[in-house]
Amino acid sequence: FTSDAAIQEGLASPSLEQVNDQRLLNEDRPAGDESNLFVGDLARQTTEAMLESVFKTVGNVVAVSIKRDKKTGQNLGYGFVRMASHSEAVLAKNEMHNMDIGGRRIRVGWAVKNSV
C-alpha cells in the first residue's frame, strides 16, 4: 500500500486498488451518464429491491442492477443505481457512501463505462 502523499510528491506510483478506487469514486464529476452510480462492497445477500428501497430515501430511482455470476447467480458484490436526475444522483452519492447495508459499508461513486 502506498500513501496518497507519497504519490502526490512523485515518490511512488499508485497501487492498482488506489487507481480503481479513484476511477470508481471520482469526486469531481460524472463520466458519461450523469445519473448512474456505481455501488461497491455489497453484502452477498443484498438484492435489487433492498438497494432500491435504500436509495429511494434520497430521490427517484430509475433502475437498479446488481451484477451476478453467470453460472451460480450469486451477487458479485457490486452494482449500479440510476437516479432520475443528476442532482438526485449527487445527493445519493453523498448520502449513501459508507452507509451500512446488510452488515457492510457500501462504496458509492460515479459509474464509469469500461473502455475495453
PDB file of N, CA and C in Angstrom:
ATOM      1  N   PHE A   1       0.850  -1.188   0.000  1.00  0.00           N
ATOM      2  CA  PHE A   1       0.000   0.000   0.000  1.00  0.00           C
ATOM      3  C   PHE A   1       0.886   1.237   0.000  1.00  0.00           C
ATOM      4  N   THR A   2       0.552   2.202  -0.830  1.00  0.00           N
ATOM      5  CA  THR A   2       1.312   3.440  -0.957  1.00  0.00           C
ATOM      6  C   THR A   2       0.448   4.605  -0.506  1.00  0.00           C
ATOM      7  N   SER A   3       1.025   5.520   0.281  1.00  0.00           N
ATOM      8  CA  SER A   3       0.234   6.649   0.774  1.00  0.00           C
ATOM      9  C   SER A   3      -0.067   7.630  -0.346  1.00  0.00           C
ATOM     10  N   ASP A   4      -1.196   8.332  -0.222  1.00  0.00           N
ATOM     11  CA  ASP A   4      -1.576   9.357  -1.195  1.00  0.00           C
ATOM     12  C   ASP A   4      -0.547  10.482  -1.228  1.00  0.00           C
ATOM     13  N   ALA A   5       0.032  10.809  -0.067  1.00  0.00           N
ATOM     14  CA  ALA A   5       1.034  11.884  -0.004  1.00  0.00           C
ATOM     15  C   ALA A   5       2.268  11.520  -0.827  1.00  0.00           C
ATOM     16  N   ALA A   6       2.723  10.274  -0.724  1.00  0.00           N
ATOM     17  CA  ALA A   6       3.891   9.830  -1.487  1.00  0.00           C
ATOM     18  C   ALA A   6       3.605   9.866  -2.983  1.00  0.00           C
ATOM     19  N   ILE A   7       2.408   9.512  -3.368  1.00  0.00           N
ATOM     20  CA  ILE A   7       2.028   9.543  -4.776  1.00  0.00           C
ATOM     21  C   ILE A   7       2.035  10.971  -5.286  1.00  0.00           C
ATOM     22  N   GLN A   8       1.432  11.890  -4.512  1.00  0.00           N
ATOM     23  CA  GLN A   8       1.355  13.292  -4.920  1.00  0.00           C
ATOM     24  C   GLN A   8       2.735  13.922  -5.029  1.00  0.00           C
ATOM     25  N   GLU A   9       3.674  13.494  -4.188  1.00  0.00           N
ATOM     26  CA  GLU A   9       5.022  14.046  -4.230  1.00  0.00           C
ATOM     27  C   GLU A   9       5.875  13.371  -5.296  1.00  0.00           C
ATOM     28  N   GLY A  10       5.303  12.399  -6.000  1.00  0.00           N
ATOM     29  CA  GLY A  10       6.036  11.725  -7.058  1.00  0.00           C
ATOM     30  C   GLY A  10       7.014  10.690  -6.549  1.00  0.00           C
ATOM     31  N   LEU A  11       6.908  10.297  -5.292  1.00  0.00           N
ATOM     32  CA  LEU A  11       7.832   9.339  -4.704  1.00  0.00           C
ATOM     33  C   LEU A  11       7.412   7.896  -4.950  1.00  0.00           C
ATOM     34  N   ALA A  12       6.177   7.699  -5.354  1.00  0.00           N
ATOM     35  CA  ALA A  12       5.680   6.340  -5.569  1.00  0.00           C
ATOM     36  C   ALA A  12       4.564   6.353  -6.597  1.00  0.00           C
ATOM     37  N   SER A  13       4.328   5.209  -7.171  1.00  0.00           N
ATOM     38  CA  SER A  13       3.209   5.047  -8.093  1.00  0.00           C
ATOM     39  C   SER A  13       2.010   4.513  -7.324  1.00  0.00           C
ATOM     40  N   PRO A  14       0.817   4.894  -7.721  1.00  0.00           N
ATOM     41  CA  PRO A  14      -0.370   4.387  -7.023  1.00  0.00           C
ATOM     42  C   PRO A  14      -0.552   2.892  -7.278  1.00  0.00           C
ATOM     43  N   SER A  15      -1.107   2.208  -6.296  1.00  0.00           N
ATOM     44  CA  SER A  15      -1.426   0.789  -6.476  1.00  0.00           C
ATOM     45  C   SER A  15      -2.633   0.678  -7.400  1.00  0.00           C
ATOM     46  N   LEU A  16      -2.831  -0.507  -7.952  1.00  0.00           N
ATOM     47  CA  LEU A  16      -3.990  -0.740  -8.814  1.00  0.00           C
ATOM     48  C   LEU A  16      -5.274  -0.470  -8.059  1.00  0.00           C
ATOM     49  N   GLU A  17      -5.316  -0.867  -6.780  1.00  0.00           N
ATOM     50  CA  GLU A  17      -6.504  -0.630  -5.958  1.00  0.00           C
ATOM     51  C   GLU A  17      -6.783   0.865  -5.819  1.00  0.00           C
ATOM     52  N   GLN A  18      -5.735   1.673  -5.600  1.00  0.00           N
ATOM     53  CA  GLN A  18      -5.926   3.111  -5.466  1.00  0.00           C
ATOM     54  C   GLN A  18      -6.394   3.730  -6.770  1.00  0.00           C
ATOM     55  N   VAL A  19      -5.863   3.279  -7.886  1.00  0.00           N
ATOM     56  CA  VAL A  19      -6.290   3.793  -9.185  1.00  0.00           C
ATOM     57  C   VAL A  19      -7.756   3.455  -9.414  1.00  0.00           C
ATOM     58  N   ASN A  20      -8.120   2.197  -9.149  1.00  0.00           N
ATOM     59  CA  ASN A  20      -9.507   1.782  -9.341  1.00  0.00           C
ATOM     60  C   ASN A  20     -10.442   2.521  -8.407  1.00  0.00           C
ATOM     61  N   ASP A  21     -10.064   2.702  -7.135  1.00  0.00           N
ATOM     62  CA  ASP A  21     -10.912   3.439  -6.202  1.00  0.00           C
ATOM     63  C   ASP A  21     -11.141   4.861  -6.693  1.00  0.00           C
ATOM     64  N   GLN A  22     -10.088   5.511  -7.168  1.00  0.00           N
ATOM     65  CA  GLN A  22     -10.235   6.884  -7.654  1.00  0.00           C
ATOM     66  C   GLN A  22     -11.117   6.916  -8.886  1.00  0.00           C
ATOM     67  N   ARG A  23     -10.937   5.964  -9.787  1.00  0.00           N
ATOM     68  CA  ARG A  23     -11.732   5.931 -11.010  1.00  0.00           C
ATOM     69  C   ARG A  23     -13.198   5.696 -10.696  1.00  0.00           C
ATOM     70  N   LEU A  24     -13.471   4.781  -9.781  1.00  0.00           N
ATOM     71  CA  LEU A  24     -14.852   4.434  -9.474  1.00  0.00           C
ATOM     72  C   LEU A  24     -15.538   5.463  -8.590  1.00  0.00           C
ATOM     73  N   LEU A  25     -14.772   6.122  -7.748  1.00  0.00           N
ATOM     74  CA  LEU A  25     -15.365   7.038  -6.781  1.00  0.00           C
ATOM     75  C   LEU A  25     -15.030   8.490  -7.103  1.00  0.00           C
ATOM     76  N   ASN A  26     -14.816   8.786  -8.369  1.00  0.00           N
ATOM     77  CA  ASN A  26     -14.449  10.123  -8.814  1.00  0.00           C
ATOM     78  C   ASN A  26     -15.324  11.174  -8.146  1.00  0.00           C
ATOM     79  N   GLU A  27     -14.699  12.022  -7.346  1.00  0.00           N
ATOM     80  CA  GLU A  27     -15.424  13.035  -6.575  1.00  0.00           C
ATOM     81  C   GLU A  27     -15.814  14.250  -7.410  1.00  0.00           C
ATOM     82  N   ASP A  28     -15.087  14.500  -8.491  1.00  0.00           N
ATOM     83  CA  ASP A  28     -15.260  15.753  -9.215  1.00  0.00           C
ATOM     84  C   ASP A  28     -16.483  15.796 -10.123  1.00  0.00           C
ATOM     85  N   ARG A  29     -16.617  14.818 -10.982  1.00  0.00           N
ATOM     86  CA  ARG A  29     -17.706  14.879 -11.938  1.00  0.00           C
ATOM     87  C   ARG A  29     -18.007  13.494 -12.482  1.00  0.00           C
ATOM     88  N   PRO A  30     -19.223  13.295 -12.922  1.00  0.00           N
ATOM     89  CA  PRO A  30     -19.558  12.013 -13.532  1.00  0.00           C
ATOM     90  C   PRO A  30     -18.941  11.905 -14.914  1.00  0.00           C
ATOM     91  N   ALA A  31     -18.661  10.698 -15.331  1.00  0.00           N
ATOM     92  CA  ALA A  31     -18.158  10.462 -16.685  1.00  0.00           C
ATOM     93  C   ALA A  31     -19.271   9.818 -17.495  1.00  0.00           C
ATOM     94  N   GLY A  32     -19.716  10.499 -18.516  1.00  0.00           N
ATOM     95  CA  GLY A  32     -20.780   9.935 -19.339  1.00  0.00           C
ATOM     96  C   GLY A  32     -22.147  10.208 -18.747  1.00  0.00           C
ATOM     97  N   ASP A  33     -22.797   9.170 -18.283  1.00  0.00           N
ATOM     98  CA  ASP A  33     -24.149   9.288 -17.745  1.00  0.00           C
ATOM     99  C   ASP A  33     -24.115  10.015 -16.405  1.00  0.00           C
ATOM    100  N   GLU A  34     -24.774  11.127 -16.316  1.00  0.00           N
ATOM    101  CA  GLU A  34     -24.705  11.973 -15.127  1.00  0.00           C
ATOM    102  C   GLU A  34     -25.585  11.525 -13.974  1.00  0.00           C
ATOM    103  N   SER A  35     -26.330  10.434 -14.138  1.00  0.00           N
ATOM    104  CA  SER A  35     -27.202   9.999 -13.057  1.00  0.00           C
ATOM    105  C   SER A  35     -26.979   8.536 -12.672  1.00  0.00           C
ATOM    106  N   ASN A  36     -25.943   7.912 -13.220  1.00  0.00           N
ATOM    107  CA  ASN A  36     -25.677   6.498 -12.979  1.00  0.00           C
ATOM    108  C   ASN A  36     -24.563   6.352 -11.944  1.00  0.00           C
ATOM    109  N   LEU A  37     -24.848   5.611 -10.870  1.00  0.00           N
ATOM    110  CA  LEU A  37     -23.903   5.429  -9.767  1.00  0.00           C
ATOM    111  C   LEU A  37     -23.398   3.996  -9.684  1.00  0.00           C
ATOM    112  N   PHE A  38     -22.122   3.858  -9.387  1.00  0.00           N
ATOM    113  CA  PHE A  38     -21.518   2.566  -9.071  1.00  0.00           C
ATOM    114  C   PHE A  38     -21.708   2.339  -7.577  1.00  0.00           C
ATOM    115  N   VAL A  39     -22.105   1.129  -7.196  1.00  0.00           N
ATOM    116  CA  VAL A  39     -22.256   0.782  -5.777  1.00  0.00           C
ATOM    117  C   VAL A  39     -21.424  -0.472  -5.539  1.00  0.00           C
ATOM    118  N   GLY A  40     -20.403  -0.351  -4.692  1.00  0.00           N
ATOM    119  CA  GLY A  40     -19.499  -1.469  -4.443  1.00  0.00           C
ATOM    120  C   GLY A  40     -19.528  -1.930  -3.005  1.00  0.00           C
ATOM    121  N   ASP A  41     -18.876  -3.053  -2.759  1.00  0.00           N
ATOM    122  CA  ASP A  41     -18.774  -3.683  -1.435  1.00  0.00           C
ATOM    123  C   ASP A  41     -20.129  -4.124  -0.901  1.00  0.00           C
ATOM    124  N   LEU A  42     -20.989  -4.583  -1.794  1.00  0.00           N
ATOM    125  CA  LEU A  42     -22.305  -5.062  -1.372  1.00  0.00           C
ATOM    126  C   LEU A  42     -22.181  -6.406  -0.661  1.00  0.00           C
ATOM    127  N   ALA A  43     -22.979  -6.598   0.370  1.00  0.00           N
ATOM    128  CA  ALA A  43     -23.069  -7.896   1.021  1.00  0.00           C
ATOM    129  C   ALA A  43     -23.677  -8.872   0.019  1.00  0.00           C
ATOM    130  N   ARG A  44     -23.295 -10.128   0.090  1.00  0.00           N
ATOM    131  CA  ARG A  44     -23.766 -11.127  -0.879  1.00  0.00           C
ATOM    132  C   ARG A  44     -25.279 -11.306  -0.866  1.00  0.00           C
ATOM    133  N   GLN A  45     -25.924 -11.033   0.269  1.00  0.00           N
ATOM    134  CA  GLN A  45     -27.377 -11.213   0.347  1.00  0.00           C
ATOM    135  C   GLN A  45     -28.160  -9.975  -0.105  1.00  0.00           C
ATOM    136  N   THR A  46     -27.475  -8.908  -0.482  1.00  0.00           N
ATOM    137  CA  THR A  46     -28.147  -7.692  -0.936  1.00  0.00           C
ATOM    138  C   THR A  46     -28.869  -7.949  -2.255  1.00  0.00           C
ATOM    139  N   THR A  47     -30.104  -7.481  -2.338  1.00  0.00           N
ATOM    140  CA  THR A  47     -30.907  -7.648  -3.555  1.00  0.00           C
ATOM    141  C   THR A  47     -31.171  -6.293  -4.194  1.00  0.00           C
ATOM    142  N   GLU A  48     -31.657  -6.332  -5.422  1.00  0.00           N
ATOM    143  CA  GLU A  48     -32.036  -5.096  -6.111  1.00  0.00           C
ATOM    144  C   GLU A  48     -33.122  -4.359  -5.341  1.00  0.00           C
ATOM    145  N   ALA A  49     -34.075  -5.093  -4.790  1.00  0.00           N
ATOM    146  CA  ALA A  49     -35.162  -4.463  -4.029  1.00  0.00           C
ATOM    147  C   ALA A  49     -34.623  -3.750  -2.786  1.00  0.00           C
ATOM    148  N   MET A  50     -33.639  -4.356  -2.124  1.00  0.00           N
ATOM    149  CA  MET A  50     -33.042  -3.714  -0.944  1.00  0.00           C
ATOM    150  C   MET A  50     -32.347  -2.412  -1.332  1.00  0.00           C
ATOM    151  N   LEU A  51     -31.546  -2.459  -2.400  1.00  0.00           N
ATOM    152  CA  LEU A  51     -30.838  -1.248  -2.846  1.00  0.00           C
ATOM    153  C   LEU A  51     -31.827  -0.161  -3.246  1.00  0.00           C
ATOM    154  N   GLU A  52     -32.849  -0.544  -3.986  1.00  0.00           N
ATOM    155  CA  GLU A  52     -33.837   0.434  -4.426  1.00  0.00           C
ATOM    156  C   GLU A  52     -34.513   1.106  -3.238  1.00  0.00           C
ATOM    157  N   SER A  53     -34.894   0.329  -2.226  1.00  0.00           N
ATOM    158  CA  SER A  53     -35.585   0.933  -1.072  1.00  0.00           C
ATOM    159  C   SER A  53     -34.678   1.884  -0.305  1.00  0.00           C
ATOM    160  N   VAL A  54     -33.402   1.578  -0.229  1.00  0.00           N
ATOM    161  CA  VAL A  54     -32.468   2.463   0.471  1.00  0.00           C
ATOM    162  C   VAL A  54     -32.235   3.749  -0.324  1.00  0.00           C
ATOM    163  N   PHE A  55     -32.000   3.614  -1.631  1.00  0.00           N
ATOM    164  CA  PHE A  55     -31.711   4.792  -2.453  1.00  0.00           C
ATOM    165  C   PHE A  55     -32.950   5.663  -2.662  1.00  0.00           C
ATOM    166  N   LYS A  56     -34.145   5.085  -2.586  1.00  0.00           N
ATOM    167  CA  LYS A  56     -35.382   5.873  -2.722  1.00  0.00           C
ATOM    168  C   LYS A  56     -35.532   6.889  -1.599  1.00  0.00           C
ATOM    169  N   THR A  57     -34.822   6.715  -0.507  1.00  0.00           N
ATOM    170  CA  THR A  57     -34.928   7.673   0.600  1.00  0.00           C
ATOM    171  C   THR A  57     -34.332   9.027   0.246  1.00  0.00           C
ATOM    172  N   VAL A  58     -33.528   9.093  -0.826  1.00  0.00           N
ATOM    173  CA  VAL A  58     -32.912  10.364  -1.211  1.00  0.00           C
ATOM    174  C   VAL A  58     -33.335  10.858  -2.594  1.00  0.00           C
ATOM    175  N   GLY A  59     -34.137  10.077  -3.319  1.00  0.00           N
ATOM    176  CA  GLY A  59     -34.561  10.536  -4.641  1.00  0.00           C
ATOM    177  C   GLY A  59     -35.252   9.445  -5.421  1.00  0.00           C
ATOM    178  N   ASN A  60     -35.626   9.784  -6.647  1.00  0.00           N
ATOM    179  CA  ASN A  60     -36.322   8.850  -7.522  1.00  0.00           C
ATOM    180  C   ASN A  60     -35.336   7.909  -8.198  1.00  0.00           C
ATOM    181  N   VAL A  61     -35.533   6.617  -7.991  1.00  0.00           N
ATOM    182  CA  VAL A  61     -34.675   5.587  -8.579  1.00  0.00           C
ATOM    183  C   VAL A  61     -35.298   5.123  -9.886  1.00  0.00           C
ATOM    184  N   VAL A  62     -34.515   5.160 -10.959  1.00  0.00           N
ATOM    185  CA  VAL A  62     -34.977   4.742 -12.277  1.00  0.00           C
ATOM    186  C   VAL A  62     -34.678   3.259 -12.506  1.00  0.00           C
ATOM    187  N   ALA A  63     -33.486   2.818 -12.103  1.00  0.00           N
ATOM    188  CA  ALA A  63     -33.095   1.428 -12.331  1.00  0.00           C
ATOM    189  C   ALA A  63     -32.043   0.999 -11.319  1.00  0.00           C
ATOM    190  N   VAL A  64     -32.059  -0.292 -11.007  1.00  0.00           N
ATOM    191  CA  VAL A  64     -31.062  -0.888 -10.110  1.00  0.00           C
ATOM    192  C   VAL A  64     -30.633  -2.208 -10.730  1.00  0.00           C
ATOM    193  N   SER A  65     -29.332  -2.438 -10.788  1.00  0.00           N
ATOM    194  CA  SER A  65     -28.864  -3.748 -11.230  1.00  0.00           C
ATOM    195  C   SER A  65     -27.680  -4.163 -10.379  1.00  0.00           C
ATOM    196  N   ILE A  66     -27.707  -5.408  -9.943  1.00  0.00           N
ATOM    197  CA  ILE A  66     -26.593  -5.995  -9.209  1.00  0.00           C
ATOM    198  C   ILE A  66     -25.977  -7.032 -10.135  1.00  0.00           C
ATOM    199  N   LYS A  67     -24.686  -6.972 -10.311  1.00  0.00           N
ATOM    200  CA  LYS A  67     -24.005  -7.907 -11.199  1.00  0.00           C
ATOM    201  C   LYS A  67     -23.881  -9.259 -10.503  1.00  0.00           C
ATOM    202  N   ARG A  68     -24.134 -10.315 -11.271  1.00  0.00           N
ATOM    203  CA  ARG A  68     -24.170 -11.677 -10.726  1.00  0.00           C
ATOM    204  C   ARG A  68     -23.301 -12.625 -11.544  1.00  0.00           C
ATOM    205  N   ASP A  69     -22.819 -13.671 -10.881  1.00  0.00           N
ATOM    206  CA  ASP A  69     -22.078 -14.733 -11.536  1.00  0.00           C
ATOM    207  C   ASP A  69     -23.005 -15.418 -12.540  1.00  0.00           C
ATOM    208  N   LYS A  70     -22.534 -15.628 -13.748  1.00  0.00           N
ATOM    209  CA  LYS A  70     -23.385 -16.192 -14.804  1.00  0.00           C
ATOM    210  C   LYS A  70     -23.786 -17.635 -14.529  1.00  0.00           C
ATOM    211  N   LYS A  71     -22.941 -18.380 -13.850  1.00  0.00           N
ATOM    212  CA  LYS A  71     -23.261 -19.789 -13.582  1.00  0.00           C
ATOM    213  C   LYS A  71     -24.087 -19.967 -12.316  1.00  0.00           C
ATOM    214  N   THR A  72     -23.686 -19.290 -11.244  1.00  0.00           N
ATOM    215  CA  THR A  72     -24.344 -19.520  -9.947  1.00  0.00           C
ATOM    216  C   THR A  72     -25.453 -18.531  -9.639  1.00  0.00           C
ATOM    217  N   GLY A  73     -25.427 -17.375 -10.297  1.00  0.00           N
ATOM    218  CA  GLY A  73     -26.399 -16.328  -9.999  1.00  0.00           C
ATOM    219  C   GLY A  73     -26.079 -15.566  -8.734  1.00  0.00           C
ATOM    220  N   GLN A  74     -24.923 -15.872  -8.124  1.00  0.00           N
ATOM    221  CA  GLN A  74     -24.538 -15.209  -6.875  1.00  0.00           C
ATOM    222  C   GLN A  74     -24.130 -13.761  -7.129  1.00  0.00           C
ATOM    223  N   ASN A  75     -24.565 -12.892  -6.239  1.00  0.00           N
ATOM    224  CA  ASN A  75     -24.210 -11.483  -6.245  1.00  0.00           C
ATOM    225  C   ASN A  75     -22.683 -11.356  -6.242  1.00  0.00           C
ATOM    226  N   LEU A  76     -22.125 -10.545  -7.138  1.00  0.00           N
ATOM    227  CA  LEU A  76     -20.671 -10.358  -7.229  1.00  0.00           C
ATOM    228  C   LEU A  76     -20.161  -9.231  -6.331  1.00  0.00           C
ATOM    229  N   GLY A  77     -21.058  -8.579  -5.594  1.00  0.00           N
ATOM    230  CA  GLY A  77     -20.616  -7.555  -4.643  1.00  0.00           C
ATOM    231  C   GLY A  77     -20.617  -6.136  -5.172  1.00  0.00           C
ATOM    232  N   TYR A  78     -21.149  -5.944  -6.376  1.00  0.00           N
ATOM    233  CA  TYR A  78     -21.249  -4.577  -6.887  1.00  0.00           C
ATOM    234  C   TYR A  78     -22.435  -4.472  -7.845  1.00  0.00           C
ATOM    235  N   GLY A  79     -22.829  -3.234  -8.083  1.00  0.00           N
ATOM    236  CA  GLY A  79     -23.942  -2.997  -8.987  1.00  0.00           C
ATOM    237  C   GLY A  79     -24.048  -1.529  -9.348  1.00  0.00           C
ATOM    238  N   PHE A  80     -25.189  -1.157  -9.901  1.00  0.00           N
ATOM    239  CA  PHE A  80     -25.399   0.199 -10.383  1.00  0.00           C
ATOM    240  C   PHE A  80     -26.797   0.666 -10.021  1.00  0.00           C
ATOM    241  N   VAL A  81     -26.891   1.952  -9.681  1.00  0.00           N
ATOM    242  CA  VAL A  81     -28.184   2.577  -9.405  1.00  0.00           C
ATOM    243  C   VAL A  81     -28.274   3.809 -10.281  1.00  0.00           C
ATOM    244  N   ARG A  82     -29.362   3.915 -11.043  1.00  0.00           N
ATOM    245  CA  ARG A  82     -29.592   5.103 -11.866  1.00  0.00           C
ATOM    246  C   ARG A  82     -30.682   5.928 -11.213  1.00  0.00           C
ATOM    247  N   MET A  83     -30.360   7.171 -10.923  1.00  0.00           N
ATOM    248  CA  MET A  83     -31.312   8.097 -10.331  1.00  0.00           C
ATOM    249  C   MET A  83     -31.984   8.887 -11.448  1.00  0.00           C
ATOM    250  N   ALA A  84     -33.108   9.535 -11.141  1.00  0.00           N
ATOM    251  CA  ALA A  84     -33.890  10.252 -12.146  1.00  0.00           C
ATOM    252  C   ALA A  84     -33.198  11.509 -12.670  1.00  0.00           C
ATOM    253  N   SER A  85     -32.325  12.103 -11.864  1.00  0.00           N
ATOM    254  CA  SER A  85     -31.656  13.335 -12.298  1.00  0.00           C
ATOM    255  C   SER A  85     -30.244  13.388 -11.729  1.00  0.00           C
ATOM    256  N   HIS A  86     -29.455  14.266 -12.317  1.00  0.00           N
ATOM    257  CA  HIS A  86     -28.082  14.446 -11.826  1.00  0.00           C
ATOM    258  C   HIS A  86     -28.085  14.931 -10.376  1.00  0.00           C
ATOM    259  N   SER A  87     -28.962  15.867 -10.036  1.00  0.00           N
ATOM    260  CA  SER A  87     -28.972  16.399  -8.662  1.00  0.00           C
ATOM    261  C   SER A  87     -29.345  15.315  -7.652  1.00  0.00           C
ATOM    262  N   GLU A  88     -30.258  14.419  -8.025  1.00  0.00           N
ATOM    263  CA  GLU A  88     -30.603  13.317  -7.131  1.00  0.00           C
ATOM    264  C   GLU A  88     -29.437  12.326  -7.014  1.00  0.00           C
ATOM    265  N   ALA A  89     -28.713  12.140  -8.107  1.00  0.00           N
ATOM    266  CA  ALA A  89     -27.547  11.254  -8.078  1.00  0.00           C
ATOM    267  C   ALA A  89     -26.455  11.829  -7.179  1.00  0.00           C
ATOM    268  N   VAL A  90     -26.243  13.141  -7.246  1.00  0.00           N
ATOM    269  CA  VAL A  90     -25.246  13.783  -6.382  1.00  0.00           C
ATOM    270  C   VAL A  90     -25.627  13.593  -4.917  1.00  0.00           C
ATOM    271  N   LEU A  91     -26.882  13.830  -4.602  1.00  0.00           N
ATOM    272  CA  LEU A  91     -27.357  13.655  -3.229  1.00  0.00           C
ATOM    273  C   LEU A  91     -27.202  12.199  -2.784  1.00  0.00           C
ATOM    274  N   ALA A  92     -27.607  11.260  -3.638  1.00  0.00           N
ATOM    275  CA  ALA A  92     -27.492   9.838  -3.302  1.00  0.00           C
ATOM    276  C   ALA A  92     -26.040   9.444  -3.093  1.00  0.00           C
ATOM    277  N   LYS A  93     -25.160   9.913  -3.963  1.00  0.00           N
ATOM    278  CA  LYS A  93     -23.727   9.602  -3.838  1.00  0.00           C
ATOM    279  C   LYS A  93     -23.188  10.092  -2.507  1.00  0.00           C
ATOM    280  N   ASN A  94     -23.535  11.307  -2.143  1.00  0.00           N
ATOM    281  CA  ASN A  94     -23.036  11.885  -0.891  1.00  0.00           C
ATOM    282  C   ASN A  94     -23.649  11.242   0.344  1.00  0.00           C
ATOM    283  N   GLU A  95     -24.933  10.941   0.291  1.00  0.00           N
ATOM    284  CA  GLU A  95     -25.632  10.393   1.459  1.00  0.00           C
ATOM    285  C   GLU A  95     -25.405   8.896   1.662  1.00  0.00           C
ATOM    286  N   MET A  96     -25.237   8.159   0.579  1.00  0.00           N
ATOM    287  CA  MET A  96     -25.177   6.694   0.675  1.00  0.00           C
ATOM    288  C   MET A  96     -23.765   6.138   0.815  1.00  0.00           C
ATOM    289  N   HIS A  97     -22.748   6.898   0.403  1.00  0.00           N
ATOM    290  CA  HIS A  97     -21.366   6.416   0.506  1.00  0.00           C
ATOM    291  C   HIS A  97     -21.038   6.094   1.962  1.00  0.00           C
ATOM    292  N   ASN A  98     -20.538   4.902   2.214  1.00  0.00           N
ATOM    293  CA  ASN A  98     -20.180   4.389   3.552  1.00  0.00           C
ATOM    294  C   ASN A  98     -21.389   4.008   4.401  1.00  0.00           C
ATOM    295  N   MET A  99     -22.573   3.977   3.825  1.00  0.00           N
ATOM    296  CA  MET A  99     -23.747   3.530   4.569  1.00  0.00           C
ATOM    297  C   MET A  99     -23.667   2.022   4.766  1.00  0.00           C
ATOM    298  N   ASP A 100     -24.136   1.553   5.912  1.00  0.00           N
ATOM    299  CA  ASP A 100     -24.154   0.126   6.196  1.00  0.00           C
ATOM    300  C   ASP A 100     -25.423  -0.499   5.615  1.00  0.00           C
ATOM    301  N   ILE A 101     -25.244  -1.447   4.720  1.00  0.00           N
ATOM    302  CA  ILE A 101     -26.364  -2.200   4.158  1.00  0.00           C
ATOM    303  C   ILE A 101     -26.009  -3.681   4.269  1.00  0.00           C
ATOM    304  N   GLY A 102     -26.815  -4.418   4.994  1.00  0.00           N
ATOM    305  CA  GLY A 102     -26.571  -5.850   5.156  1.00  0.00           C
ATOM    306  C   GLY A 102     -25.298  -6.181   5.890  1.00  0.00           C
ATOM    307  N   GLY A 103     -24.858  -5.282   6.778  1.00  0.00           N
ATOM    308  CA  GLY A 103     -23.653  -5.539   7.556  1.00  0.00           C
ATOM    309  C   GLY A 103     -22.357  -5.119   6.886  1.00  0.00           C
ATOM    310  N   ARG A 104     -22.445  -4.444   5.730  1.00  0.00           N
ATOM    311  CA  ARG A 104     -21.233  -3.956   5.040  1.00  0.00           C
ATOM    312  C   ARG A 104     -21.398  -2.494   4.674  1.00  0.00           C
ATOM    313  N   ARG A 105     -20.310  -1.756   4.766  1.00  0.00           N
ATOM    314  CA  ARG A 105     -20.317  -0.350   4.352  1.00  0.00           C
ATOM    315  C   ARG A 105     -20.109  -0.294   2.845  1.00  0.00           C
ATOM    316  N   ILE A 106     -21.084   0.266   2.148  1.00  0.00           N
ATOM    317  CA  ILE A 106     -21.004   0.322   0.685  1.00  0.00           C
ATOM    318  C   ILE A 106     -20.171   1.510   0.231  1.00  0.00           C
ATOM    319  N   ARG A 107     -19.629   1.389  -0.977  1.00  0.00           N
ATOM    320  CA  ARG A 107     -18.932   2.499  -1.636  1.00  0.00           C
ATOM    321  C   ARG A 107     -19.828   2.975  -2.764  1.00  0.00           C
ATOM    322  N   VAL A 108     -19.994   4.276  -2.884  1.00  0.00           N
ATOM    323  CA  VAL A 108     -20.823   4.825  -3.955  1.00  0.00           C
ATOM    324  C   VAL A 108     -20.016   5.878  -4.696  1.00  0.00           C
ATOM    325  N   GLY A 109     -19.951   5.738  -5.992  1.00  0.00           N
ATOM    326  CA  GLY A 109     -19.239   6.698  -6.826  1.00  0.00           C
ATOM    327  C   GLY A 109     -19.895   6.776  -8.192  1.00  0.00           C
ATOM    328  N   TRP A 110     -19.342   7.613  -9.043  1.00  0.00           N
ATOM    329  CA  TRP A 110     -19.879   7.740 -10.396  1.00  0.00           C
ATOM    330  C   TRP A 110     -19.524   6.494 -11.184  1.00  0.00           C
ATOM    331  N   ALA A 111     -20.491   5.948 -11.903  1.00  0.00           N
ATOM    332  CA  ALA A 111     -20.238   4.806 -12.772  1.00  0.00           C
ATOM    333  C   ALA A 111     -19.383   5.278 -13.939  1.00  0.00           C
ATOM    334  N   VAL A 112     -18.426   4.448 -14.318  1.00  0.00           N
ATOM    335  CA  VAL A 112     -17.530   4.762 -15.432  1.00  0.00           C
ATOM    336  C   VAL A 112     -17.650   3.646 -16.445  1.00  0.00           C
ATOM    337  N   LYS A 113     -17.909   4.007 -17.686  1.00  0.00           N
ATOM    338  CA  LYS A 113     -18.021   2.988 -18.727  1.00  0.00           C
ATOM    339  C   LYS A 113     -16.651   2.391 -18.994  1.00  0.00           C
ATOM    340  N   ASN A 114     -16.619   1.058 -19.136  1.00  0.00           N
ATOM    341  CA  ASN A 114     -15.366   0.385 -19.472  1.00  0.00           C
ATOM    342  C   ASN A 114     -14.978   0.748 -20.902  1.00  0.00           C
ATOM    343  N   SER A 115     -13.703   0.978 -21.124  1.00  0.00           N
ATOM    344  CA  SER A 115     -13.232   1.312 -22.458  1.00  0.00           C
ATOM    345  C   SER A 115     -12.708   0.077 -23.186  1.00  0.00           C
ATOM    346  N   VAL A 116     -12.739  -1.063 -22.518  1.00  0.00           N
ATOM    347  CA  VAL A 116     -12.212  -2.296 -23.116  1.00  0.00           C
ATOM    348  C   VAL A 116     -13.340  -3.090 -23.720  1.00  0.00           C
TER     349      VAL A 116
END
